[in-house]
Amino acid sequence: MMQPDRLEEALDQARACRLCADQLPLGPRPVIQASTTARLLIVGQAPGTKVHESGLPFNDASGERLRDWLQVDRETFYDAERIAIMPMGLCYPGRDPRGGDRPPMKICAPTWHPVLRPLMASVELTLLVGSYAQGWYLGERRARSLTDTVWNWRSYLPDFLPLPHPSWRNTAWLRRNSWFAEVLLPDLRARVRHLLAPA
């Protein structure tokens, strides 16, 4: 694959990707939102079935919770000129027999993140939503657990801010870790307001 020199060309290539077609139960449908002007990048895990159906990232209950965390409305959230959204796996990976969705396809992030991320030239802050995004972007800087990584969020600024996944499965985690809502979210919301403010 040739290295594209423009984001639009790279996005066309990513959306046409069929590398995992024979392993995806619903077939390939890469879901990504990006521009050269977005100052905020959200890196998630992988689309769920509702996102696969609609083609809109975080177009589900997890997205509602994430938008509440950021205090942004749907119109702002889906404005690619302001917010870029790129999951670790661009396509829905299928269900895990043990519950929940399967992990992102392993080939996806190494194939597309090194191509797409450098072309998002205006990004100032990347939100790392969940352990897969944190593992990829933080590497050895990541703490031993997701809780410890999010607890130490200040140490990854100004480039990265780790978050738990906004899935309903993490509701108990949010109850146990009240500092997340009391301390982290106010700081996150202030940073998002600054990044989304008109130039």
N, C-alpha and C. Protein backbone atom coordinates (compact mmCIF):
# COMPACT_ATOMS: atom_id res chain seq x y z
N MET A 1 0.84 -1.20 0.00
CA MET A 1 0.00 0.00 0.00
C MET A 1 0.88 1.26 0.00
N MET A 2 0.61 2.17 -0.91
CA MET A 2 1.37 3.41 -0.97
C MET A 2 0.99 4.34 0.18
N GLN A 3 1.95 5.11 0.66
CA GLN A 3 1.68 6.07 1.72
C GLN A 3 1.00 7.30 1.11
N PRO A 4 -0.22 7.60 1.51
CA PRO A 4 -0.90 8.78 0.96
C PRO A 4 -0.31 10.06 1.54
N ASP A 5 -0.38 11.13 0.78
CA ASP A 5 0.13 12.40 1.28
C ASP A 5 -0.99 13.34 1.69
N ARG A 6 -2.23 12.90 1.54
CA ARG A 6 -3.36 13.73 1.95
C ARG A 6 -4.32 12.89 2.78
N LEU A 7 -4.92 13.51 3.79
CA LEU A 7 -5.83 12.79 4.68
C LEU A 7 -7.02 12.23 3.92
N GLU A 8 -7.57 12.99 2.99
CA GLU A 8 -8.74 12.52 2.24
C GLU A 8 -8.44 11.22 1.50
N GLU A 9 -7.25 11.16 0.91
CA GLU A 9 -6.85 9.95 0.20
C GLU A 9 -6.69 8.78 1.16
N ALA A 10 -6.09 9.06 2.32
CA ALA A 10 -5.91 8.00 3.33
C ALA A 10 -7.24 7.50 3.86
N LEU A 11 -8.18 8.41 4.09
CA LEU A 11 -9.51 8.00 4.57
C LEU A 11 -10.22 7.14 3.53
N ASP A 12 -10.09 7.49 2.26
CA ASP A 12 -10.69 6.67 1.20
C ASP A 12 -10.11 5.26 1.23
N GLN A 13 -8.80 5.16 1.41
CA GLN A 13 -8.15 3.85 1.48
C GLN A 13 -8.63 3.06 2.69
N ALA A 14 -8.71 3.73 3.85
CA ALA A 14 -9.13 3.04 5.06
C ALA A 14 -10.57 2.56 4.95
N ARG A 15 -11.44 3.39 4.40
CA ARG A 15 -12.85 3.01 4.29
C ARG A 15 -13.08 1.92 3.25
N ALA A 16 -12.11 1.71 2.37
CA ALA A 16 -12.21 0.65 1.38
C ALA A 16 -11.48 -0.62 1.84
N CYS A 17 -10.94 -0.62 3.07
CA CYS A 17 -10.14 -1.74 3.56
C CYS A 17 -10.97 -3.02 3.65
N ARG A 18 -10.38 -4.10 3.18
CA ARG A 18 -11.02 -5.42 3.24
C ARG A 18 -10.07 -6.47 3.81
N LEU A 19 -9.06 -6.05 4.57
CA LEU A 19 -8.06 -6.97 5.09
C LEU A 19 -8.66 -8.10 5.92
N CYS A 20 -9.69 -7.79 6.70
CA CYS A 20 -10.26 -8.77 7.63
C CYS A 20 -11.63 -9.27 7.18
N ALA A 21 -11.95 -9.07 5.91
CA ALA A 21 -13.32 -9.36 5.44
C ALA A 21 -13.77 -10.78 5.77
N ASP A 22 -12.87 -11.74 5.69
CA ASP A 22 -13.27 -13.13 5.93
C ASP A 22 -13.39 -13.48 7.41
N GLN A 23 -13.05 -12.52 8.29
CA GLN A 23 -13.12 -12.78 9.73
C GLN A 23 -14.19 -11.94 10.42
N LEU A 24 -14.84 -11.07 9.68
CA LEU A 24 -15.83 -10.17 10.28
C LEU A 24 -17.24 -10.71 10.04
N PRO A 25 -17.99 -11.00 11.10
CA PRO A 25 -19.29 -11.65 10.94
C PRO A 25 -20.32 -10.81 10.18
N LEU A 26 -20.21 -9.50 10.24
CA LEU A 26 -21.13 -8.63 9.51
C LEU A 26 -20.47 -8.00 8.29
N GLY A 27 -19.28 -8.43 7.98
CA GLY A 27 -18.56 -7.87 6.84
C GLY A 27 -17.88 -6.57 7.20
N PRO A 28 -16.99 -6.11 6.35
CA PRO A 28 -16.26 -4.87 6.64
C PRO A 28 -17.12 -3.63 6.45
N ARG A 29 -17.04 -2.72 7.42
CA ARG A 29 -17.61 -1.39 7.29
C ARG A 29 -16.78 -0.47 8.20
N PRO A 30 -15.61 -0.03 7.73
CA PRO A 30 -14.76 0.84 8.55
C PRO A 30 -15.49 2.12 8.92
N VAL A 31 -15.42 2.46 10.20
CA VAL A 31 -16.08 3.66 10.72
C VAL A 31 -15.00 4.58 11.29
N ILE A 32 -14.86 5.75 10.69
CA ILE A 32 -13.85 6.71 11.12
C ILE A 32 -14.32 8.11 10.74
N GLN A 33 -13.97 9.08 11.56
CA GLN A 33 -14.32 10.48 11.34
C GLN A 33 -13.05 11.30 11.56
N ALA A 34 -12.63 12.08 10.56
CA ALA A 34 -11.37 12.81 10.71
C ALA A 34 -11.32 13.99 9.76
N SER A 35 -10.44 14.93 10.09
CA SER A 35 -10.18 16.09 9.24
C SER A 35 -8.81 16.64 9.59
N THR A 36 -8.35 17.58 8.80
CA THR A 36 -7.08 18.22 9.09
C THR A 36 -7.23 19.38 10.07
N THR A 37 -8.47 19.73 10.42
CA THR A 37 -8.71 20.87 11.31
C THR A 37 -9.10 20.47 12.72
N ALA A 38 -9.50 19.22 12.95
CA ALA A 38 -9.94 18.78 14.28
C ALA A 38 -8.79 18.90 15.28
N ARG A 39 -9.07 19.51 16.43
CA ARG A 39 -8.06 19.67 17.48
C ARG A 39 -8.19 18.60 18.55
N LEU A 40 -9.30 17.87 18.53
CA LEU A 40 -9.55 16.80 19.50
C LEU A 40 -9.70 15.49 18.76
N LEU A 41 -8.97 14.47 19.19
CA LEU A 41 -9.07 13.12 18.63
C LEU A 41 -9.53 12.16 19.72
N ILE A 42 -10.53 11.36 19.40
CA ILE A 42 -11.01 10.32 20.31
C ILE A 42 -10.64 8.97 19.71
N VAL A 43 -9.84 8.21 20.45
CA VAL A 43 -9.46 6.87 19.99
C VAL A 43 -10.20 5.86 20.86
N GLY A 44 -11.11 5.13 20.25
CA GLY A 44 -11.90 4.16 20.98
C GLY A 44 -11.44 2.74 20.72
N GLN A 45 -12.35 1.79 20.90
CA GLN A 45 -12.01 0.37 20.79
C GLN A 45 -12.35 -0.16 19.40
N ALA A 46 -13.63 -0.37 19.12
CA ALA A 46 -14.09 -0.84 17.82
C ALA A 46 -15.60 -0.61 17.77
N PRO A 47 -16.17 -0.47 16.59
CA PRO A 47 -17.62 -0.26 16.49
C PRO A 47 -18.41 -1.44 17.06
N GLY A 48 -19.56 -1.14 17.63
CA GLY A 48 -20.52 -2.17 18.00
C GLY A 48 -21.51 -2.36 16.86
N THR A 49 -22.54 -3.15 17.08
CA THR A 49 -23.49 -3.44 16.00
C THR A 49 -24.27 -2.21 15.58
N LYS A 50 -24.66 -1.36 16.54
CA LYS A 50 -25.42 -0.15 16.18
C LYS A 50 -24.57 0.81 15.35
N VAL A 51 -23.30 0.91 15.72
CA VAL A 51 -22.39 1.76 14.95
C VAL A 51 -22.17 1.16 13.57
N HIS A 52 -22.03 -0.14 13.49
CA HIS A 52 -21.88 -0.80 12.19
C HIS A 52 -23.07 -0.50 11.29
N GLU A 53 -24.26 -0.55 11.87
CA GLU A 53 -25.47 -0.31 11.07
C GLU A 53 -25.56 1.12 10.58
N SER A 54 -25.23 2.07 11.44
CA SER A 54 -25.42 3.49 11.10
C SER A 54 -24.21 4.12 10.41
N GLY A 55 -23.02 3.57 10.68
CA GLY A 55 -21.81 4.19 10.14
C GLY A 55 -21.36 5.40 10.93
N LEU A 56 -22.00 5.67 12.07
CA LEU A 56 -21.64 6.81 12.92
C LEU A 56 -20.92 6.30 14.17
N PRO A 57 -19.72 6.79 14.45
CA PRO A 57 -18.99 6.33 15.64
C PRO A 57 -19.72 6.71 16.92
N PHE A 58 -19.69 5.81 17.89
CA PHE A 58 -20.31 6.03 19.20
C PHE A 58 -21.80 6.41 19.08
N ASN A 59 -22.47 5.83 18.09
CA ASN A 59 -23.89 6.09 17.91
C ASN A 59 -24.70 5.04 18.68
N ASP A 60 -24.52 5.06 20.01
CA ASP A 60 -25.15 4.07 20.88
C ASP A 60 -25.16 4.61 22.30
N ALA A 61 -25.53 3.77 23.26
CA ALA A 61 -25.59 4.22 24.65
C ALA A 61 -24.22 4.65 25.17
N SER A 62 -23.17 3.97 24.74
CA SER A 62 -21.82 4.38 25.15
C SER A 62 -21.52 5.79 24.65
N GLY A 63 -21.97 6.09 23.46
CA GLY A 63 -21.76 7.43 22.91
C GLY A 63 -22.51 8.50 23.70
N GLU A 64 -23.71 8.15 24.16
CA GLU A 64 -24.46 9.11 24.97
C GLU A 64 -23.69 9.44 26.25
N ARG A 65 -23.16 8.40 26.88
CA ARG A 65 -22.38 8.63 28.11
C ARG A 65 -21.12 9.41 27.80
N LEU A 66 -20.43 9.09 26.70
CA LEU A 66 -19.21 9.81 26.35
C LEU A 66 -19.51 11.28 26.07
N ARG A 67 -20.58 11.56 25.35
CA ARG A 67 -20.94 12.96 25.07
C ARG A 67 -21.28 13.71 26.36
N ASP A 68 -21.87 13.00 27.32
CA ASP A 68 -22.13 13.62 28.62
C ASP A 68 -20.82 13.92 29.34
N TRP A 69 -19.87 12.99 29.28
CA TRP A 69 -18.58 13.25 29.90
C TRP A 69 -17.93 14.50 29.30
N LEU A 70 -18.05 14.64 27.98
CA LEU A 70 -17.41 15.78 27.30
C LEU A 70 -18.26 17.04 27.36
N GLN A 71 -19.55 16.86 27.66
CA GLN A 71 -20.54 17.95 27.60
C GLN A 71 -20.57 18.59 26.22
N VAL A 72 -20.74 17.75 25.21
CA VAL A 72 -20.93 18.21 23.84
C VAL A 72 -22.20 17.57 23.28
N ASP A 73 -22.90 18.28 22.42
CA ASP A 73 -24.11 17.75 21.81
C ASP A 73 -23.76 16.91 20.57
N ARG A 74 -24.76 16.23 20.03
CA ARG A 74 -24.53 15.34 18.88
C ARG A 74 -24.00 16.11 17.68
N GLU A 75 -24.54 17.28 17.44
CA GLU A 75 -24.11 18.05 16.28
C GLU A 75 -22.61 18.36 16.35
N THR A 76 -22.16 18.79 17.52
CA THR A 76 -20.74 19.08 17.70
C THR A 76 -19.91 17.81 17.62
N PHE A 77 -20.38 16.76 18.25
CA PHE A 77 -19.64 15.50 18.30
C PHE A 77 -19.40 14.95 16.90
N TYR A 78 -20.38 15.10 16.02
CA TYR A 78 -20.26 14.54 14.68
C TYR A 78 -19.79 15.57 13.65
N ASP A 79 -19.23 16.65 14.11
CA ASP A 79 -18.61 17.64 13.23
C ASP A 79 -17.15 17.26 13.07
N ALA A 80 -16.82 16.62 11.96
CA ALA A 80 -15.47 16.12 11.74
C ALA A 80 -14.44 17.24 11.67
N GLU A 81 -14.87 18.43 11.38
CA GLU A 81 -13.93 19.55 11.34
C GLU A 81 -13.44 19.92 12.73
N ARG A 82 -14.18 19.48 13.75
CA ARG A 82 -13.84 19.83 15.14
C ARG A 82 -13.37 18.63 15.96
N ILE A 83 -13.97 17.46 15.72
CA ILE A 83 -13.63 16.27 16.50
C ILE A 83 -13.34 15.11 15.55
N ALA A 84 -12.17 14.50 15.70
CA ALA A 84 -11.83 13.29 14.95
C ALA A 84 -12.07 12.08 15.85
N ILE A 85 -12.55 10.99 15.26
CA ILE A 85 -12.83 9.77 16.01
C ILE A 85 -12.28 8.59 15.23
N MET A 86 -11.34 7.86 15.84
CA MET A 86 -10.69 6.75 15.15
C MET A 86 -10.54 5.58 16.13
N PRO A 87 -11.28 4.49 15.94
CA PRO A 87 -11.15 3.36 16.85
C PRO A 87 -9.89 2.56 16.56
N MET A 88 -9.49 1.73 17.51
CA MET A 88 -8.35 0.85 17.31
C MET A 88 -8.64 -0.18 16.23
N GLY A 89 -9.86 -0.63 16.17
CA GLY A 89 -10.32 -1.49 15.09
C GLY A 89 -11.42 -0.76 14.35
N LEU A 90 -11.29 -0.57 13.05
CA LEU A 90 -12.24 0.26 12.31
C LEU A 90 -13.57 -0.43 12.06
N CYS A 91 -13.61 -1.76 12.17
CA CYS A 91 -14.82 -2.53 11.87
C CYS A 91 -15.32 -3.30 13.10
N TYR A 92 -16.60 -3.62 13.08
CA TYR A 92 -17.20 -4.44 14.15
C TYR A 92 -16.56 -5.83 14.12
N PRO A 93 -15.95 -6.26 15.25
CA PRO A 93 -15.21 -7.53 15.25
C PRO A 93 -16.04 -8.77 15.56
N GLY A 94 -17.29 -8.59 16.00
CA GLY A 94 -18.12 -9.73 16.36
C GLY A 94 -18.21 -9.92 17.87
N ARG A 95 -19.05 -10.87 18.27
CA ARG A 95 -19.29 -11.13 19.68
C ARG A 95 -18.27 -12.09 20.25
N ASP A 96 -17.90 -11.82 21.50
CA ASP A 96 -17.04 -12.74 22.25
C ASP A 96 -17.94 -13.76 22.92
N PRO A 97 -17.68 -15.06 22.77
CA PRO A 97 -18.53 -16.08 23.41
C PRO A 97 -18.64 -15.90 24.92
N ARG A 98 -17.65 -15.24 25.53
CA ARG A 98 -17.67 -15.03 26.99
C ARG A 98 -18.49 -13.80 27.37
N GLY A 99 -18.97 -13.05 26.40
CA GLY A 99 -19.75 -11.84 26.67
C GLY A 99 -19.07 -10.61 26.10
N GLY A 100 -19.87 -9.66 25.66
CA GLY A 100 -19.32 -8.45 25.07
C GLY A 100 -18.82 -8.69 23.66
N ASP A 101 -18.15 -7.71 23.11
CA ASP A 101 -17.61 -7.82 21.76
C ASP A 101 -16.18 -8.37 21.80
N ARG A 102 -15.76 -8.94 20.69
CA ARG A 102 -14.39 -9.39 20.56
C ARG A 102 -13.44 -8.20 20.56
N PRO A 103 -12.17 -8.41 20.85
CA PRO A 103 -11.19 -7.32 20.75
C PRO A 103 -11.08 -6.81 19.32
N PRO A 104 -10.56 -5.61 19.13
CA PRO A 104 -10.33 -5.12 17.77
C PRO A 104 -9.43 -6.08 17.00
N MET A 105 -9.63 -6.16 15.69
CA MET A 105 -8.77 -7.01 14.87
C MET A 105 -7.32 -6.54 15.00
N LYS A 106 -6.40 -7.47 15.23
CA LYS A 106 -5.02 -7.13 15.56
C LYS A 106 -4.29 -6.40 14.43
N ILE A 107 -4.69 -6.66 13.19
CA ILE A 107 -3.97 -6.06 12.07
C ILE A 107 -4.38 -4.61 11.82
N CYS A 108 -5.50 -4.21 12.39
CA CYS A 108 -6.10 -2.91 12.03
C CYS A 108 -5.26 -1.72 12.50
N ALA A 109 -4.98 -1.63 13.78
CA ALA A 109 -4.23 -0.46 14.29
C ALA A 109 -2.85 -0.34 13.65
N PRO A 110 -2.06 -1.42 13.56
CA PRO A 110 -0.75 -1.29 12.91
C PRO A 110 -0.84 -0.87 11.45
N THR A 111 -1.96 -1.21 10.80
CA THR A 111 -2.11 -0.85 9.39
C THR A 111 -2.52 0.60 9.21
N TRP A 112 -3.47 1.07 10.02
CA TRP A 112 -4.08 2.36 9.73
C TRP A 112 -3.68 3.51 10.65
N HIS A 113 -3.41 3.26 11.91
CA HIS A 113 -3.07 4.38 12.78
C HIS A 113 -1.78 5.09 12.38
N PRO A 114 -0.71 4.38 12.00
CA PRO A 114 0.50 5.10 11.56
C PRO A 114 0.30 5.88 10.27
N VAL A 115 -0.69 5.50 9.48
CA VAL A 115 -0.98 6.21 8.23
C VAL A 115 -1.84 7.44 8.49
N LEU A 116 -2.90 7.25 9.26
CA LEU A 116 -3.90 8.31 9.43
C LEU A 116 -3.52 9.35 10.47
N ARG A 117 -2.98 8.91 11.60
CA ARG A 117 -2.74 9.85 12.69
C ARG A 117 -1.80 11.00 12.30
N PRO A 118 -0.68 10.76 11.60
CA PRO A 118 0.20 11.88 11.25
C PRO A 118 -0.45 12.91 10.33
N LEU A 119 -1.51 12.52 9.63
CA LEU A 119 -2.17 13.43 8.70
C LEU A 119 -3.23 14.31 9.39
N MET A 120 -3.52 14.01 10.66
CA MET A 120 -4.44 14.86 11.43
C MET A 120 -3.60 15.94 12.11
N ALA A 121 -3.21 16.90 11.33
CA ALA A 121 -2.15 17.83 11.73
C ALA A 121 -2.53 18.77 12.86
N SER A 122 -3.81 18.99 13.09
CA SER A 122 -4.23 19.99 14.08
C SER A 122 -4.53 19.41 15.46
N VAL A 123 -4.48 18.08 15.61
CA VAL A 123 -4.85 17.46 16.89
C VAL A 123 -3.90 17.91 17.99
N GLU A 124 -4.49 18.39 19.09
CA GLU A 124 -3.72 18.83 20.26
C GLU A 124 -3.90 17.89 21.45
N LEU A 125 -5.04 17.22 21.52
CA LEU A 125 -5.32 16.30 22.63
C LEU A 125 -5.98 15.05 22.08
N THR A 126 -5.49 13.88 22.52
CA THR A 126 -6.07 12.61 22.13
C THR A 126 -6.64 11.93 23.36
N LEU A 127 -7.93 11.63 23.33
CA LEU A 127 -8.59 10.90 24.41
C LEU A 127 -8.46 9.41 24.12
N LEU A 128 -7.85 8.68 25.03
CA LEU A 128 -7.63 7.25 24.88
C LEU A 128 -8.70 6.51 25.65
N VAL A 129 -9.72 6.05 24.94
CA VAL A 129 -10.91 5.47 25.55
C VAL A 129 -10.77 3.96 25.64
N GLY A 130 -10.44 3.46 26.82
CA GLY A 130 -10.32 2.03 27.02
C GLY A 130 -8.89 1.54 26.93
N SER A 131 -8.70 0.28 27.34
CA SER A 131 -7.35 -0.27 27.50
C SER A 131 -6.62 -0.49 26.19
N TYR A 132 -7.35 -0.79 25.10
CA TYR A 132 -6.67 -1.04 23.83
C TYR A 132 -6.01 0.23 23.31
N ALA A 133 -6.72 1.33 23.36
CA ALA A 133 -6.16 2.61 22.92
C ALA A 133 -5.00 3.02 23.82
N GLN A 134 -5.15 2.81 25.12
CA GLN A 134 -4.10 3.19 26.05
C GLN A 134 -2.85 2.34 25.83
N GLY A 135 -3.02 1.07 25.57
CA GLY A 135 -1.88 0.20 25.33
C GLY A 135 -1.11 0.59 24.08
N TRP A 136 -1.83 0.94 23.04
CA TRP A 136 -1.18 1.29 21.77
C TRP A 136 -0.44 2.62 21.88
N TYR A 137 -1.10 3.63 22.41
CA TYR A 137 -0.53 4.97 22.38
C TYR A 137 0.40 5.28 23.56
N LEU A 138 0.18 4.63 24.69
CA LEU A 138 1.03 4.89 25.85
C LEU A 138 2.17 3.88 25.99
N GLY A 139 1.98 2.69 25.47
CA GLY A 139 3.02 1.68 25.54
C GLY A 139 3.46 1.40 26.97
N GLU A 140 4.75 1.45 27.20
CA GLU A 140 5.28 1.14 28.53
C GLU A 140 4.95 2.22 29.55
N ARG A 141 4.49 3.36 29.11
CA ARG A 141 4.08 4.42 30.05
C ARG A 141 2.76 4.08 30.74
N ARG A 142 2.00 3.17 30.16
CA ARG A 142 0.72 2.78 30.76
C ARG A 142 0.96 2.10 32.10
N ALA A 143 0.08 2.37 33.05
CA ALA A 143 0.18 1.73 34.37
C ALA A 143 -0.28 0.28 34.29
N ARG A 144 -0.20 -0.42 35.43
CA ARG A 144 -0.49 -1.86 35.46
C ARG A 144 -1.95 -2.19 35.16
N SER A 145 -2.85 -1.27 35.43
CA SER A 145 -4.27 -1.51 35.19
C SER A 145 -4.90 -0.27 34.58
N LEU A 146 -6.08 -0.44 34.01
CA LEU A 146 -6.80 0.71 33.46
C LEU A 146 -7.09 1.73 34.56
N THR A 147 -7.48 1.25 35.74
CA THR A 147 -7.78 2.16 36.84
C THR A 147 -6.56 3.02 37.19
N ASP A 148 -5.40 2.37 37.29
CA ASP A 148 -4.19 3.13 37.63
C ASP A 148 -3.80 4.09 36.51
N THR A 149 -4.02 3.67 35.27
CA THR A 149 -3.69 4.55 34.14
C THR A 149 -4.57 5.78 34.16
N VAL A 150 -5.87 5.59 34.35
CA VAL A 150 -6.78 6.74 34.39
C VAL A 150 -6.50 7.60 35.63
N TRP A 151 -6.20 6.96 36.75
CA TRP A 151 -5.87 7.69 37.98
C TRP A 151 -4.68 8.62 37.76
N ASN A 152 -3.73 8.18 36.95
CA ASN A 152 -2.52 8.97 36.68
C ASN A 152 -2.65 9.82 35.42
N TRP A 153 -3.86 10.20 35.06
CA TRP A 153 -4.13 10.89 33.80
C TRP A 153 -3.29 12.15 33.61
N ARG A 154 -2.99 12.86 34.68
CA ARG A 154 -2.23 14.11 34.53
C ARG A 154 -0.84 13.87 33.96
N SER A 155 -0.27 12.69 34.21
CA SER A 155 1.10 12.42 33.77
C SER A 155 1.20 12.22 32.26
N TYR A 156 0.05 12.05 31.58
CA TYR A 156 0.07 11.83 30.13
C TYR A 156 -0.26 13.11 29.35
N LEU A 157 -0.65 14.15 30.06
CA LEU A 157 -0.94 15.42 29.42
C LEU A 157 0.36 16.10 29.01
N PRO A 158 0.34 16.97 27.99
CA PRO A 158 -0.84 17.53 27.33
C PRO A 158 -1.30 16.75 26.10
N ASP A 159 -0.57 15.69 25.72
CA ASP A 159 -0.91 14.99 24.48
C ASP A 159 -2.06 14.01 24.61
N PHE A 160 -2.09 13.29 25.75
CA PHE A 160 -3.07 12.22 25.91
C PHE A 160 -3.84 12.37 27.22
N LEU A 161 -5.09 11.88 27.20
CA LEU A 161 -5.88 11.81 28.42
C LEU A 161 -6.63 10.48 28.38
N PRO A 162 -6.26 9.54 29.26
CA PRO A 162 -6.90 8.22 29.26
C PRO A 162 -8.25 8.24 29.97
N LEU A 163 -9.20 7.49 29.41
CA LEU A 163 -10.54 7.36 29.98
C LEU A 163 -10.94 5.90 30.01
N PRO A 164 -11.84 5.53 30.93
CA PRO A 164 -12.43 4.19 30.85
C PRO A 164 -13.39 4.16 29.67
N HIS A 165 -13.75 2.97 29.25
CA HIS A 165 -14.75 2.88 28.19
C HIS A 165 -16.11 3.30 28.77
N PRO A 166 -16.90 4.07 28.03
CA PRO A 166 -18.20 4.53 28.57
C PRO A 166 -19.31 3.50 28.49
N SER A 167 -18.98 2.25 28.30
CA SER A 167 -19.97 1.18 28.25
C SER A 167 -20.72 1.05 29.57
N TRP A 168 -21.94 0.55 29.48
CA TRP A 168 -22.73 0.27 30.69
C TRP A 168 -22.03 -0.75 31.58
N ARG A 169 -21.15 -1.56 30.98
CA ARG A 169 -20.41 -2.56 31.76
C ARG A 169 -19.50 -1.91 32.78
N ASN A 170 -19.18 -0.63 32.60
CA ASN A 170 -18.30 0.07 33.52
C ASN A 170 -19.05 0.93 34.54
N THR A 171 -20.35 0.76 34.63
CA THR A 171 -21.14 1.53 35.59
C THR A 171 -20.66 1.29 37.02
N ALA A 172 -20.38 0.04 37.36
CA ALA A 172 -19.89 -0.27 38.72
C ALA A 172 -18.53 0.38 38.95
N TRP A 173 -17.67 0.38 37.92
CA TRP A 173 -16.35 1.03 38.05
C TRP A 173 -16.53 2.51 38.36
N LEU A 174 -17.46 3.15 37.68
CA LEU A 174 -17.68 4.58 37.90
C LEU A 174 -18.19 4.85 39.31
N ARG A 175 -18.99 3.94 39.86
CA ARG A 175 -19.47 4.10 41.23
C ARG A 175 -18.33 3.96 42.23
N ARG A 176 -17.45 3.02 41.97
CA ARG A 176 -16.32 2.77 42.89
C ARG A 176 -15.27 3.87 42.83
N ASN A 177 -15.17 4.53 41.71
CA ASN A 177 -14.12 5.53 41.50
C ASN A 177 -14.75 6.91 41.34
N SER A 178 -15.28 7.43 42.43
CA SER A 178 -15.99 8.72 42.38
C SER A 178 -15.08 9.87 41.97
N TRP A 179 -13.77 9.73 42.16
CA TRP A 179 -12.83 10.78 41.77
C TRP A 179 -12.89 11.06 40.27
N PHE A 180 -13.31 10.06 39.49
CA PHE A 180 -13.38 10.26 38.05
C PHE A 180 -14.34 11.40 37.71
N ALA A 181 -15.54 11.37 38.30
CA ALA A 181 -16.53 12.42 38.04
C ALA A 181 -16.20 13.71 38.78
N GLU A 182 -15.61 13.57 39.95
CA GLU A 182 -15.38 14.75 40.78
C GLU A 182 -14.15 15.56 40.38
N VAL A 183 -13.12 14.87 39.87
CA VAL A 183 -11.85 15.55 39.59
C VAL A 183 -11.49 15.54 38.11
N LEU A 184 -11.54 14.34 37.50
CA LEU A 184 -11.11 14.25 36.11
C LEU A 184 -12.07 14.92 35.15
N LEU A 185 -13.37 14.63 35.27
CA LEU A 185 -14.32 15.16 34.30
C LEU A 185 -14.35 16.69 34.23
N PRO A 186 -14.31 17.42 35.34
CA PRO A 186 -14.27 18.88 35.22
C PRO A 186 -13.06 19.37 34.41
N ASP A 187 -11.91 18.74 34.62
CA ASP A 187 -10.72 19.12 33.87
C ASP A 187 -10.88 18.77 32.39
N LEU A 188 -11.38 17.57 32.12
CA LEU A 188 -11.62 17.14 30.75
C LEU A 188 -12.55 18.12 30.03
N ARG A 189 -13.65 18.48 30.69
CA ARG A 189 -14.62 19.36 30.05
C ARG A 189 -14.04 20.73 29.76
N ALA A 190 -13.20 21.23 30.65
CA ALA A 190 -12.56 22.52 30.42
C ALA A 190 -11.63 22.44 29.21
N ARG A 191 -10.89 21.35 29.08
CA ARG A 191 -9.99 21.19 27.94
C ARG A 191 -10.77 21.08 26.65
N VAL A 192 -11.88 20.33 26.68
CA VAL A 192 -12.70 20.19 25.47
C VAL A 192 -13.30 21.52 25.06
N ARG A 193 -13.81 22.29 26.02
CA ARG A 193 -14.36 23.61 25.69
C ARG A 193 -13.31 24.48 25.01
N HIS A 194 -12.08 24.43 25.52
CA HIS A 194 -11.00 25.23 24.94
C HIS A 194 -10.71 24.78 23.51
N LEU A 195 -10.64 23.47 23.30
CA LEU A 195 -10.29 22.95 21.98
C LEU A 195 -11.39 23.18 20.96
N LEU A 196 -12.63 23.23 21.40
CA LEU A 196 -13.76 23.41 20.48
C LEU A 196 -14.16 24.86 20.29
N ALA A 197 -13.56 25.76 21.06
CA ALA A 197 -13.90 27.17 20.95
C ALA A 197 -13.46 27.70 19.59
N PRO A 198 -14.21 28.65 19.03
CA PRO A 198 -13.82 29.25 17.76
C PRO A 198 -12.43 29.87 17.86
N ALA A 199 -11.69 29.73 16.79
CA ALA A 199 -10.32 30.28 16.78
C ALA A 199 -10.37 31.80 16.89
